[in-house]
Amino acid sequence: IEAMNSYVEFSRQEFPHATILIAVPAEWYGGPPDADDYARFVENFDTALETVRDAHGDSVAIESLLVAPLSDADQVCNSAHHANESGRDDISQQIAVAIVAVSTPGSDTASQE
């Protein structure tokens, strides 16, 4: 939470009219995460994000994107530690869609769960 607060404060000062989009990378490659572990992760992230939003009030717009896990083994490197070009393309597409969503008037949120 402290690191997220520092990032938001810096961004708010440098870009006072911007919407901050926090993209959380997927840690799971080659298949979906354990449902219980993922649910706990999402709950903890949402709690941390609400704490940060509460700390900054209406002075800054903060949105989030939970990047979907890559489910195709062809989208990761041979050792399955990181995304290959195809996987990076998919992740970049998710981020681009989220940026458009937070930039579009009337859009409620970019959050994807």
PDB file of N, CA and C in Angstrom:
ATOM      1  N   ILE A   1       0.838  -1.190   0.000  1.00  0.00           N
ATOM      2  CA  ILE A   1       0.000   0.000   0.000  1.00  0.00           C
ATOM      3  C   ILE A   1       0.880   1.250   0.000  1.00  0.00           C
ATOM      4  N   GLU A   2       1.963   1.215   0.762  1.00  0.00           N
ATOM      5  CA  GLU A   2       2.852   2.372   0.834  1.00  0.00           C
ATOM      6  C   GLU A   2       3.448   2.700  -0.544  1.00  0.00           C
ATOM      7  N   ALA A   3       3.892   1.665  -1.239  1.00  0.00           N
ATOM      8  CA  ALA A   3       4.465   1.887  -2.575  1.00  0.00           C
ATOM      9  C   ALA A   3       3.407   2.425  -3.537  1.00  0.00           C
ATOM     10  N   MET A   4       2.205   1.878  -3.463  1.00  0.00           N
ATOM     11  CA  MET A   4       1.126   2.334  -4.341  1.00  0.00           C
ATOM     12  C   MET A   4       0.779   3.795  -4.019  1.00  0.00           C
ATOM     13  N   ASN A   5       0.732   4.138  -2.737  1.00  0.00           N
ATOM     14  CA  ASN A   5       0.467   5.518  -2.334  1.00  0.00           C
ATOM     15  C   ASN A   5       1.532   6.469  -2.866  1.00  0.00           C
ATOM     16  N   SER A   6       2.787   6.056  -2.784  1.00  0.00           N
ATOM     17  CA  SER A   6       3.885   6.894  -3.278  1.00  0.00           C
ATOM     18  C   SER A   6       3.764   7.113  -4.780  1.00  0.00           C
ATOM     19  N   TYR A   7       3.453   6.051  -5.503  1.00  0.00           N
ATOM     20  CA  TYR A   7       3.285   6.149  -6.956  1.00  0.00           C
ATOM     21  C   TYR A   7       2.128   7.080  -7.304  1.00  0.00           C
ATOM     22  N   VAL A   8       1.019   6.927  -6.619  1.00  0.00           N
ATOM     23  CA  VAL A   8      -0.153   7.758  -6.889  1.00  0.00           C
ATOM     24  C   VAL A   8       0.142   9.220  -6.561  1.00  0.00           C
ATOM     25  N   GLU A   9       0.806   9.469  -5.448  1.00  0.00           N
ATOM     26  CA  GLU A   9       1.130  10.842  -5.070  1.00  0.00           C
ATOM     27  C   GLU A   9       2.055  11.502  -6.095  1.00  0.00           C
ATOM     28  N   PHE A  10       3.084  10.780  -6.517  1.00  0.00           N
ATOM     29  CA  PHE A  10       3.982  11.299  -7.548  1.00  0.00           C
ATOM     30  C   PHE A  10       3.206  11.594  -8.832  1.00  0.00           C
ATOM     31  N   SER A  11       2.395  10.639  -9.267  1.00  0.00           N
ATOM     32  CA  SER A  11       1.635  10.797 -10.506  1.00  0.00           C
ATOM     33  C   SER A  11       0.650  11.952 -10.408  1.00  0.00           C
ATOM     34  N   ARG A  12       0.009  12.089  -9.254  1.00  0.00           N
ATOM     35  CA  ARG A  12      -0.957  13.171  -9.052  1.00  0.00           C
ATOM     36  C   ARG A  12      -0.278  14.531  -9.159  1.00  0.00           C
ATOM     37  N   GLN A  13       0.922  14.649  -8.592  1.00  0.00           N
ATOM     38  CA  GLN A  13       1.643  15.920  -8.644  1.00  0.00           C
ATOM     39  C   GLN A  13       2.150  16.239 -10.050  1.00  0.00           C
ATOM     40  N   GLU A  14       2.662  15.232 -10.736  1.00  0.00           N
ATOM     41  CA  GLU A  14       3.225  15.449 -12.065  1.00  0.00           C
ATOM     42  C   GLU A  14       2.158  15.571 -13.156  1.00  0.00           C
ATOM     43  N   PHE A  15       1.059  14.865 -12.973  1.00  0.00           N
ATOM     44  CA  PHE A  15      -0.002  14.824 -13.988  1.00  0.00           C
ATOM     45  C   PHE A  15      -1.355  15.013 -13.291  1.00  0.00           C
ATOM     46  N   PRO A  16      -1.654  16.238 -12.852  1.00  0.00           N
ATOM     47  CA  PRO A  16      -2.826  16.461 -11.991  1.00  0.00           C
ATOM     48  C   PRO A  16      -4.175  16.155 -12.633  1.00  0.00           C
ATOM     49  N   HIS A  17      -4.262  16.120 -13.949  1.00  0.00           N
ATOM     50  CA  HIS A  17      -5.555  15.874 -14.598  1.00  0.00           C
ATOM     51  C   HIS A  17      -5.650  14.481 -15.219  1.00  0.00           C
ATOM     52  N   ALA A  18      -4.675  13.648 -14.939  1.00  0.00           N
ATOM     53  CA  ALA A  18      -4.633  12.313 -15.535  1.00  0.00           C
ATOM     54  C   ALA A  18      -5.401  11.301 -14.693  1.00  0.00           C
ATOM     55  N   THR A  19      -5.868  10.268 -15.355  1.00  0.00           N
ATOM     56  CA  THR A  19      -6.394   9.099 -14.664  1.00  0.00           C
ATOM     57  C   THR A  19      -5.246   8.110 -14.546  1.00  0.00           C
ATOM     58  N   ILE A  20      -5.042   7.602 -13.352  1.00  0.00           N
ATOM     59  CA  ILE A  20      -3.965   6.642 -13.122  1.00  0.00           C
ATOM     60  C   ILE A  20      -4.527   5.243 -13.321  1.00  0.00           C
ATOM     61  N   LEU A  21      -3.903   4.492 -14.213  1.00  0.00           N
ATOM     62  CA  LEU A  21      -4.305   3.109 -14.470  1.00  0.00           C
ATOM     63  C   LEU A  21      -3.214   2.204 -13.925  1.00  0.00           C
ATOM     64  N   ILE A  22      -3.552   1.417 -12.919  1.00  0.00           N
ATOM     65  CA  ILE A  22      -2.606   0.475 -12.334  1.00  0.00           C
ATOM     66  C   ILE A  22      -2.869  -0.886 -12.968  1.00  0.00           C
ATOM     67  N   ALA A  23      -1.908  -1.352 -13.756  1.00  0.00           N
ATOM     68  CA  ALA A  23      -2.030  -2.660 -14.412  1.00  0.00           C
ATOM     69  C   ALA A  23      -1.245  -3.679 -13.602  1.00  0.00           C
ATOM     70  N   VAL A  24      -1.934  -4.691 -13.114  1.00  0.00           N
ATOM     71  CA  VAL A  24      -1.316  -5.738 -12.310  1.00  0.00           C
ATOM     72  C   VAL A  24      -1.077  -6.942 -13.210  1.00  0.00           C
ATOM     73  N   PRO A  25       0.186  -7.291 -13.439  1.00  0.00           N
ATOM     74  CA  PRO A  25       0.468  -8.409 -14.347  1.00  0.00           C
ATOM     75  C   PRO A  25       0.013  -9.739 -13.781  1.00  0.00           C
ATOM     76  N   ALA A  26      -0.346 -10.633 -14.685  1.00  0.00           N
ATOM     77  CA  ALA A  26      -0.695 -11.992 -14.285  1.00  0.00           C
ATOM     78  C   ALA A  26       0.578 -12.726 -13.895  1.00  0.00           C
ATOM     79  N   GLU A  27       0.485 -13.554 -12.890  1.00  0.00           N
ATOM     80  CA  GLU A  27       1.645 -14.342 -12.480  1.00  0.00           C
ATOM     81  C   GLU A  27       1.542 -15.779 -12.955  1.00  0.00           C
ATOM     82  N   TRP A  28       0.417 -16.123 -13.547  1.00  0.00           N
ATOM     83  CA  TRP A  28       0.176 -17.515 -13.876  1.00  0.00           C
ATOM     84  C   TRP A  28       0.263 -17.729 -15.375  1.00  0.00           C
ATOM     85  N   TYR A  29       1.117 -18.604 -15.787  1.00  0.00           N
ATOM     86  CA  TYR A  29       1.240 -18.925 -17.207  1.00  0.00           C
ATOM     87  C   TYR A  29       0.924 -20.400 -17.418  1.00  0.00           C
ATOM     88  N   GLY A  30       0.322 -20.696 -18.534  1.00  0.00           N
ATOM     89  CA  GLY A  30       0.051 -22.075 -18.878  1.00  0.00           C
ATOM     90  C   GLY A  30      -1.258 -22.610 -18.349  1.00  0.00           C
ATOM     91  N   GLY A  31      -2.062 -21.785 -17.713  1.00  0.00           N
ATOM     92  CA  GLY A  31      -3.347 -22.238 -17.218  1.00  0.00           C
ATOM     93  C   GLY A  31      -3.893 -21.277 -16.196  1.00  0.00           C
ATOM     94  N   PRO A  32      -5.153 -21.411 -15.875  1.00  0.00           N
ATOM     95  CA  PRO A  32      -5.755 -20.492 -14.904  1.00  0.00           C
ATOM     96  C   PRO A  32      -5.205 -20.759 -13.503  1.00  0.00           C
ATOM     97  N   PRO A  33      -5.186 -19.737 -12.666  1.00  0.00           N
ATOM     98  CA  PRO A  33      -4.710 -19.925 -11.295  1.00  0.00           C
ATOM     99  C   PRO A  33      -5.713 -20.718 -10.477  1.00  0.00           C
ATOM    100  N   ASP A  34      -5.259 -21.201  -9.354  1.00  0.00           N
ATOM    101  CA  ASP A  34      -6.154 -21.832  -8.402  1.00  0.00           C
ATOM    102  C   ASP A  34      -7.230 -20.806  -8.029  1.00  0.00           C
ATOM    103  N   ALA A  35      -8.478 -21.195  -8.108  1.00  0.00           N
ATOM    104  CA  ALA A  35      -9.595 -20.266  -7.905  1.00  0.00           C
ATOM    105  C   ALA A  35      -9.549 -19.603  -6.529  1.00  0.00           C
ATOM    106  N   ASP A  36      -9.241 -20.370  -5.482  1.00  0.00           N
ATOM    107  CA  ASP A  36      -9.193 -19.805  -4.131  1.00  0.00           C
ATOM    108  C   ASP A  36      -8.043 -18.820  -3.983  1.00  0.00           C
ATOM    109  N   ASP A  37      -6.868 -19.179  -4.509  1.00  0.00           N
ATOM    110  CA  ASP A  37      -5.714 -18.276  -4.441  1.00  0.00           C
ATOM    111  C   ASP A  37      -6.005 -16.982  -5.201  1.00  0.00           C
ATOM    112  N   TYR A  38      -6.597 -17.112  -6.375  1.00  0.00           N
ATOM    113  CA  TYR A  38      -6.887 -15.933  -7.181  1.00  0.00           C
ATOM    114  C   TYR A  38      -7.928 -15.051  -6.495  1.00  0.00           C
ATOM    115  N   ALA A  39      -8.943 -15.661  -5.907  1.00  0.00           N
ATOM    116  CA  ALA A  39      -9.971 -14.898  -5.191  1.00  0.00           C
ATOM    117  C   ALA A  39      -9.355 -14.115  -4.032  1.00  0.00           C
ATOM    118  N   ARG A  40      -8.436 -14.740  -3.288  1.00  0.00           N
ATOM    119  CA  ARG A  40      -7.750 -14.046  -2.193  1.00  0.00           C
ATOM    120  C   ARG A  40      -6.887 -12.902  -2.726  1.00  0.00           C
ATOM    121  N   PHE A  41      -6.189 -13.159  -3.829  1.00  0.00           N
ATOM    122  CA  PHE A  41      -5.366 -12.120  -4.441  1.00  0.00           C
ATOM    123  C   PHE A  41      -6.217 -10.925  -4.839  1.00  0.00           C
ATOM    124  N   VAL A  42      -7.329 -11.171  -5.531  1.00  0.00           N
ATOM    125  CA  VAL A  42      -8.216 -10.090  -5.980  1.00  0.00           C
ATOM    126  C   VAL A  42      -8.769  -9.334  -4.774  1.00  0.00           C
ATOM    127  N   GLU A  43      -9.183 -10.049  -3.744  1.00  0.00           N
ATOM    128  CA  GLU A  43      -9.719  -9.404  -2.543  1.00  0.00           C
ATOM    129  C   GLU A  43      -8.657  -8.511  -1.887  1.00  0.00           C
ATOM    130  N   ASN A  44      -7.437  -9.028  -1.753  1.00  0.00           N
ATOM    131  CA  ASN A  44      -6.357  -8.241  -1.141  1.00  0.00           C
ATOM    132  C   ASN A  44      -6.015  -7.022  -1.997  1.00  0.00           C
ATOM    133  N   PHE A  45      -5.974  -7.216  -3.308  1.00  0.00           N
ATOM    134  CA  PHE A  45      -5.678  -6.090  -4.197  1.00  0.00           C
ATOM    135  C   PHE A  45      -6.779  -5.037  -4.109  1.00  0.00           C
ATOM    136  N   ASP A  46      -8.035  -5.461  -4.160  1.00  0.00           N
ATOM    137  CA  ASP A  46      -9.151  -4.519  -4.075  1.00  0.00           C
ATOM    138  C   ASP A  46      -9.128  -3.737  -2.760  1.00  0.00           C
ATOM    139  N   THR A  47      -8.805  -4.425  -1.666  1.00  0.00           N
ATOM    140  CA  THR A  47      -8.711  -3.762  -0.362  1.00  0.00           C
ATOM    141  C   THR A  47      -7.598  -2.716  -0.366  1.00  0.00           C
ATOM    142  N   ALA A  48      -6.441  -3.081  -0.917  1.00  0.00           N
ATOM    143  CA  ALA A  48      -5.324  -2.139  -0.993  1.00  0.00           C
ATOM    144  C   ALA A  48      -5.681  -0.945  -1.871  1.00  0.00           C
ATOM    145  N   LEU A  49      -6.328  -1.200  -2.985  1.00  0.00           N
ATOM    146  CA  LEU A  49      -6.699  -0.125  -3.902  1.00  0.00           C
ATOM    147  C   LEU A  49      -7.709   0.824  -3.255  1.00  0.00           C
ATOM    148  N   GLU A  50      -8.669   0.296  -2.527  1.00  0.00           N
ATOM    149  CA  GLU A  50      -9.648   1.147  -1.841  1.00  0.00           C
ATOM    150  C   GLU A  50      -8.972   1.994  -0.765  1.00  0.00           C
ATOM    151  N   THR A  51      -7.988   1.424  -0.077  1.00  0.00           N
ATOM    152  CA  THR A  51      -7.240   2.174   0.932  1.00  0.00           C
ATOM    153  C   THR A  51      -6.519   3.352   0.275  1.00  0.00           C
ATOM    154  N   VAL A  52      -5.915   3.108  -0.868  1.00  0.00           N
ATOM    155  CA  VAL A  52      -5.218   4.169  -1.596  1.00  0.00           C
ATOM    156  C   VAL A  52      -6.216   5.204  -2.100  1.00  0.00           C
ATOM    157  N   ARG A  53      -7.335   4.761  -2.648  1.00  0.00           N
ATOM    158  CA  ARG A  53      -8.356   5.709  -3.124  1.00  0.00           C
ATOM    159  C   ARG A  53      -8.863   6.577  -1.970  1.00  0.00           C
ATOM    160  N   ASP A  54      -9.109   5.955  -0.816  1.00  0.00           N
ATOM    161  CA  ASP A  54      -9.588   6.700   0.351  1.00  0.00           C
ATOM    162  C   ASP A  54      -8.562   7.732   0.802  1.00  0.00           C
ATOM    163  N   ALA A  55      -7.290   7.385   0.721  1.00  0.00           N
ATOM    164  CA  ALA A  55      -6.232   8.296   1.153  1.00  0.00           C
ATOM    165  C   ALA A  55      -6.143   9.533   0.264  1.00  0.00           C
ATOM    166  N   HIS A  56      -6.514   9.388  -1.000  1.00  0.00           N
ATOM    167  CA  HIS A  56      -6.385  10.492  -1.943  1.00  0.00           C
ATOM    168  C   HIS A  56      -7.708  11.173  -2.262  1.00  0.00           C
ATOM    169  N   GLY A  57      -8.805  10.582  -1.841  1.00  0.00           N
ATOM    170  CA  GLY A  57     -10.114  11.197  -2.054  1.00  0.00           C
ATOM    171  C   GLY A  57     -10.387  11.476  -3.516  1.00  0.00           C
ATOM    172  N   ASP A  58     -11.035  12.596  -3.756  1.00  0.00           N
ATOM    173  CA  ASP A  58     -11.413  12.977  -5.120  1.00  0.00           C
ATOM    174  C   ASP A  58     -10.288  13.700  -5.865  1.00  0.00           C
ATOM    175  N   SER A  59      -9.111  13.786  -5.246  1.00  0.00           N
ATOM    176  CA  SER A  59      -8.031  14.548  -5.877  1.00  0.00           C
ATOM    177  C   SER A  59      -7.390  13.807  -7.045  1.00  0.00           C
ATOM    178  N   VAL A  60      -7.719  12.531  -7.200  1.00  0.00           N
ATOM    179  CA  VAL A  60      -7.106  11.753  -8.271  1.00  0.00           C
ATOM    180  C   VAL A  60      -8.046  10.613  -8.679  1.00  0.00           C
ATOM    181  N   ALA A  61      -8.065  10.319  -9.978  1.00  0.00           N
ATOM    182  CA  ALA A  61      -8.852   9.183 -10.489  1.00  0.00           C
ATOM    183  C   ALA A  61      -7.915   7.987 -10.621  1.00  0.00           C
ATOM    184  N   ILE A  62      -8.262   6.900  -9.957  1.00  0.00           N
ATOM    185  CA  ILE A  62      -7.434   5.694  -9.985  1.00  0.00           C
ATOM    186  C   ILE A  62      -8.283   4.531 -10.483  1.00  0.00           C
ATOM    187  N   GLU A  63      -7.823   3.880 -11.529  1.00  0.00           N
ATOM    188  CA  GLU A  63      -8.479   2.704 -12.080  1.00  0.00           C
ATOM    189  C   GLU A  63      -7.488   1.542 -12.040  1.00  0.00           C
ATOM    190  N   SER A  64      -7.991   0.350 -12.225  1.00  0.00           N
ATOM    191  CA  SER A  64      -7.102  -0.814 -12.189  1.00  0.00           C
ATOM    192  C   SER A  64      -7.449  -1.795 -13.298  1.00  0.00           C
ATOM    193  N   LEU A  65      -6.449  -2.566 -13.656  1.00  0.00           N
ATOM    194  CA  LEU A  65      -6.602  -3.635 -14.628  1.00  0.00           C
ATOM    195  C   LEU A  65      -5.863  -4.843 -14.092  1.00  0.00           C
ATOM    196  N   LEU A  66      -6.578  -5.906 -13.845  1.00  0.00           N
ATOM    197  CA  LEU A  66      -5.950  -7.178 -13.487  1.00  0.00           C
ATOM    198  C   LEU A  66      -5.745  -7.924 -14.797  1.00  0.00           C
ATOM    199  N   VAL A  67      -4.508  -7.962 -15.266  1.00  0.00           N
ATOM    200  CA  VAL A  67      -4.208  -8.596 -16.548  1.00  0.00           C
ATOM    201  C   VAL A  67      -4.548 -10.084 -16.465  1.00  0.00           C
ATOM    202  N   ALA A  68      -5.303 -10.540 -17.447  1.00  0.00           N
ATOM    203  CA  ALA A  68      -5.722 -11.949 -17.465  1.00  0.00           C
ATOM    204  C   ALA A  68      -4.519 -12.866 -17.679  1.00  0.00           C
ATOM    205  N   PRO A  69      -4.522 -14.004 -17.011  1.00  0.00           N
ATOM    206  CA  PRO A  69      -3.425 -14.961 -17.203  1.00  0.00           C
ATOM    207  C   PRO A  69      -3.372 -15.462 -18.643  1.00  0.00           C
ATOM    208  N   LEU A  70      -2.170 -15.751 -19.106  1.00  0.00           N
ATOM    209  CA  LEU A  70      -2.011 -16.356 -20.426  1.00  0.00           C
ATOM    210  C   LEU A  70      -2.317 -17.844 -20.284  1.00  0.00           C
ATOM    211  N   SER A  71      -3.238 -18.330 -21.064  1.00  0.00           N
ATOM    212  CA  SER A  71      -3.645 -19.727 -20.921  1.00  0.00           C
ATOM    213  C   SER A  71      -3.048 -20.627 -21.991  1.00  0.00           C
ATOM    214  N   ASP A  72      -2.422 -20.031 -22.999  1.00  0.00           N
ATOM    215  CA  ASP A  72      -1.864 -20.815 -24.085  1.00  0.00           C
ATOM    216  C   ASP A  72      -0.361 -20.979 -23.869  1.00  0.00           C
ATOM    217  N   ALA A  73       0.111 -22.215 -23.788  1.00  0.00           N
ATOM    218  CA  ALA A  73       1.525 -22.481 -23.568  1.00  0.00           C
ATOM    219  C   ALA A  73       2.395 -21.894 -24.673  1.00  0.00           C
ATOM    220  N   ASP A  74       1.826 -21.646 -25.846  1.00  0.00           N
ATOM    221  CA  ASP A  74       2.575 -21.047 -26.951  1.00  0.00           C
ATOM    222  C   ASP A  74       2.818 -19.548 -26.743  1.00  0.00           C
ATOM    223  N   GLN A  75       2.268 -18.983 -25.664  1.00  0.00           N
ATOM    224  CA  GLN A  75       2.430 -17.556 -25.402  1.00  0.00           C
ATOM    225  C   GLN A  75       3.496 -17.259 -24.352  1.00  0.00           C
ATOM    226  N   VAL A  76       4.205 -18.286 -23.910  1.00  0.00           N
ATOM    227  CA  VAL A  76       5.243 -18.089 -22.904  1.00  0.00           C
ATOM    228  C   VAL A  76       6.576 -18.609 -23.417  1.00  0.00           C
ATOM    229  N   CYS A  77       7.657 -18.164 -22.784  1.00  0.00           N
ATOM    230  CA  CYS A  77       8.977 -18.641 -23.168  1.00  0.00           C
ATOM    231  C   CYS A  77       9.108 -20.123 -22.815  1.00  0.00           C
ATOM    232  N   ASN A  78      10.163 -20.746 -23.257  1.00  0.00           N
ATOM    233  CA  ASN A  78      10.348 -22.179 -23.031  1.00  0.00           C
ATOM    234  C   ASN A  78      10.355 -22.564 -21.558  1.00  0.00           C
ATOM    235  N   SER A  79      10.840 -21.664 -20.697  1.00  0.00           N
ATOM    236  CA  SER A  79      10.879 -21.985 -19.272  1.00  0.00           C
ATOM    237  C   SER A  79       9.636 -21.505 -18.526  1.00  0.00           C
ATOM    238  N   ALA A  80       8.682 -20.937 -19.244  1.00  0.00           N
ATOM    239  CA  ALA A  80       7.384 -20.482 -18.700  1.00  0.00           C
ATOM    240  C   ALA A  80       7.526 -19.406 -17.630  1.00  0.00           C
ATOM    241  N   HIS A  81       8.589 -18.612 -17.694  1.00  0.00           N
ATOM    242  CA  HIS A  81       8.788 -17.544 -16.714  1.00  0.00           C
ATOM    243  C   HIS A  81       8.214 -16.208 -17.165  1.00  0.00           C
ATOM    244  N   HIS A  82       8.084 -16.005 -18.464  1.00  0.00           N
ATOM    245  CA  HIS A  82       7.579 -14.726 -18.953  1.00  0.00           C
ATOM    246  C   HIS A  82       6.929 -14.918 -20.326  1.00  0.00           C
ATOM    247  N   ALA A  83       6.174 -13.917 -20.709  1.00  0.00           N
ATOM    248  CA  ALA A  83       5.458 -13.980 -21.980  1.00  0.00           C
ATOM    249  C   ALA A  83       6.424 -13.811 -23.154  1.00  0.00           C
ATOM    250  N   ASN A  84       6.144 -14.543 -24.222  1.00  0.00           N
ATOM    251  CA  ASN A  84       6.907 -14.352 -25.459  1.00  0.00           C
ATOM    252  C   ASN A  84       6.212 -13.250 -26.267  1.00  0.00           C
ATOM    253  N   GLU A  85       6.581 -13.074 -27.524  1.00  0.00           N
ATOM    254  CA  GLU A  85       6.020 -11.996 -28.339  1.00  0.00           C
ATOM    255  C   GLU A  85       4.495 -12.088 -28.438  1.00  0.00           C
ATOM    256  N   SER A  86       3.975 -13.280 -28.648  1.00  0.00           N
ATOM    257  CA  SER A  86       2.526 -13.461 -28.743  1.00  0.00           C
ATOM    258  C   SER A  86       1.841 -13.099 -27.429  1.00  0.00           C
ATOM    259  N   GLY A  87       2.414 -13.544 -26.327  1.00  0.00           N
ATOM    260  CA  GLY A  87       1.846 -13.224 -25.013  1.00  0.00           C
ATOM    261  C   GLY A  87       1.902 -11.733 -24.719  1.00  0.00           C
ATOM    262  N   ARG A  88       3.016 -11.099 -25.076  1.00  0.00           N
ATOM    263  CA  ARG A  88       3.131  -9.647 -24.869  1.00  0.00           C
ATOM    264  C   ARG A  88       2.114  -8.898 -25.722  1.00  0.00           C
ATOM    265  N   ASP A  89       1.846  -9.396 -26.921  1.00  0.00           N
ATOM    266  CA  ASP A  89       0.820  -8.778 -27.767  1.00  0.00           C
ATOM    267  C   ASP A  89      -0.544  -8.825 -27.070  1.00  0.00           C
ATOM    268  N   ASP A  90      -0.879  -9.980 -26.484  1.00  0.00           N
ATOM    269  CA  ASP A  90      -2.165 -10.111 -25.789  1.00  0.00           C
ATOM    270  C   ASP A  90      -2.242  -9.172 -24.585  1.00  0.00           C
ATOM    271  N   ILE A  91      -1.165  -9.117 -23.810  1.00  0.00           N
ATOM    272  CA  ILE A  91      -1.142  -8.245 -22.632  1.00  0.00           C
ATOM    273  C   ILE A  91      -1.254  -6.780 -23.063  1.00  0.00           C
ATOM    274  N   SER A  92      -0.523  -6.401 -24.107  1.00  0.00           N
ATOM    275  CA  SER A  92      -0.583  -5.023 -24.608  1.00  0.00           C
ATOM    276  C   SER A  92      -1.991  -4.670 -25.071  1.00  0.00           C
ATOM    277  N   GLN A  93      -2.677  -5.617 -25.687  1.00  0.00           N
ATOM    278  CA  GLN A  93      -4.053  -5.391 -26.139  1.00  0.00           C
ATOM    279  C   GLN A  93      -4.971  -5.146 -24.942  1.00  0.00           C
ATOM    280  N   GLN A  94      -4.815  -5.928 -23.877  1.00  0.00           N
ATOM    281  CA  GLN A  94      -5.628  -5.723 -22.677  1.00  0.00           C
ATOM    282  C   GLN A  94      -5.408  -4.330 -22.095  1.00  0.00           C
ATOM    283  N   ILE A  95      -4.153  -3.907 -22.056  1.00  0.00           N
ATOM    284  CA  ILE A  95      -3.838  -2.588 -21.508  1.00  0.00           C
ATOM    285  C   ILE A  95      -4.403  -1.491 -22.403  1.00  0.00           C
ATOM    286  N   ALA A  96      -4.295  -1.654 -23.719  1.00  0.00           N
ATOM    287  CA  ALA A  96      -4.840  -0.657 -24.647  1.00  0.00           C
ATOM    288  C   ALA A  96      -6.349  -0.516 -24.474  1.00  0.00           C
ATOM    289  N   VAL A  97      -7.050  -1.619 -24.335  1.00  0.00           N
ATOM    290  CA  VAL A  97      -8.504  -1.583 -24.138  1.00  0.00           C
ATOM    291  C   VAL A  97      -8.835  -0.852 -22.832  1.00  0.00           C
ATOM    292  N   ALA A  98      -8.054  -1.112 -21.784  1.00  0.00           N
ATOM    293  CA  ALA A  98      -8.291  -0.449 -20.493  1.00  0.00           C
ATOM    294  C   ALA A  98      -8.045   1.054 -20.597  1.00  0.00           C
ATOM    295  N   ILE A  99      -7.009   1.455 -21.325  1.00  0.00           N
ATOM    296  CA  ILE A  99      -6.730   2.881 -21.498  1.00  0.00           C
ATOM    297  C   ILE A  99      -7.882   3.564 -22.225  1.00  0.00           C
ATOM    298  N   VAL A 100      -8.397   2.940 -23.260  1.00  0.00           N
ATOM    299  CA  VAL A 100      -9.540   3.502 -23.981  1.00  0.00           C
ATOM    300  C   VAL A 100     -10.743   3.596 -23.047  1.00  0.00           C
ATOM    301  N   ALA A 101     -10.950   2.582 -22.225  1.00  0.00           N
ATOM    302  CA  ALA A 101     -12.103   2.573 -21.314  1.00  0.00           C
ATOM    303  C   ALA A 101     -12.033   3.728 -20.316  1.00  0.00           C
ATOM    304  N   VAL A 102     -10.862   3.998 -19.753  1.00  0.00           N
ATOM    305  CA  VAL A 102     -10.776   5.087 -18.776  1.00  0.00           C
ATOM    306  C   VAL A 102     -10.737   6.447 -19.450  1.00  0.00           C
ATOM    307  N   SER A 103     -10.472   6.472 -20.744  1.00  0.00           N
ATOM    308  CA  SER A 103     -10.425   7.733 -21.493  1.00  0.00           C
ATOM    309  C   SER A 103     -11.763   8.102 -22.110  1.00  0.00           C
ATOM    310  N   THR A 104     -12.697   7.171 -22.090  1.00  0.00           N
ATOM    311  CA  THR A 104     -13.995   7.376 -22.725  1.00  0.00           C
ATOM    312  C   THR A 104     -14.986   7.948 -21.722  1.00  0.00           C
ATOM    313  N   PRO A 105     -15.571   9.112 -22.020  1.00  0.00           N
ATOM    314  CA  PRO A 105     -16.578   9.684 -21.120  1.00  0.00           C
ATOM    315  C   PRO A 105     -17.712   8.695 -20.861  1.00  0.00           C
ATOM    316  N   GLY A 106     -18.112   8.597 -19.605  1.00  0.00           N
ATOM    317  CA  GLY A 106     -19.205   7.703 -19.234  1.00  0.00           C
ATOM    318  C   GLY A 106     -18.741   6.312 -18.862  1.00  0.00           C
ATOM    319  N   SER A 107     -17.478   6.022 -19.014  1.00  0.00           N
ATOM    320  CA  SER A 107     -16.949   4.721 -18.631  1.00  0.00           C
ATOM    321  C   SER A 107     -16.804   4.681 -17.118  1.00  0.00           C
ATOM    322  N   ASP A 108     -17.346   3.648 -16.478  1.00  0.00           N
ATOM    323  CA  ASP A 108     -17.290   3.561 -15.024  1.00  0.00           C
ATOM    324  C   ASP A 108     -15.926   3.147 -14.505  1.00  0.00           C
ATOM    325  N   THR A 109     -15.330   2.139 -15.137  1.00  0.00           N
ATOM    326  CA  THR A 109     -14.068   1.604 -14.629  1.00  0.00           C
ATOM    327  C   THR A 109     -13.393   0.767 -15.689  1.00  0.00           C
ATOM    328  N   ALA A 110     -12.099   0.586 -15.506  1.00  0.00           N
ATOM    329  CA  ALA A 110     -11.345  -0.289 -16.386  1.00  0.00           C
ATOM    330  C   ALA A 110     -11.120  -1.635 -15.739  1.00  0.00           C
ATOM    331  N   SER A 111     -11.543  -1.787 -14.497  1.00  0.00           N
ATOM    332  CA  SER A 111     -11.265  -3.024 -13.762  1.00  0.00           C
ATOM    333  C   SER A 111     -11.831  -4.228 -14.488  1.00  0.00           C
ATOM    334  N   GLN A 112     -11.020  -5.263 -14.568  1.00  0.00           N
ATOM    335  CA  GLN A 112     -11.447  -6.524 -15.157  1.00  0.00           C
ATOM    336  C   GLN A 112     -11.097  -7.619 -14.177  1.00  0.00           C
ATOM    337  N   GLU A 113     -12.091  -8.379 -13.806  1.00  0.00           N
ATOM    338  CA  GLU A 113     -11.835  -9.457 -12.860  1.00  0.00           C
ATOM    339  C   GLU A 113     -12.239 -10.759 -13.482  1.00  0.00           C
TER     340      GLU A 113
END
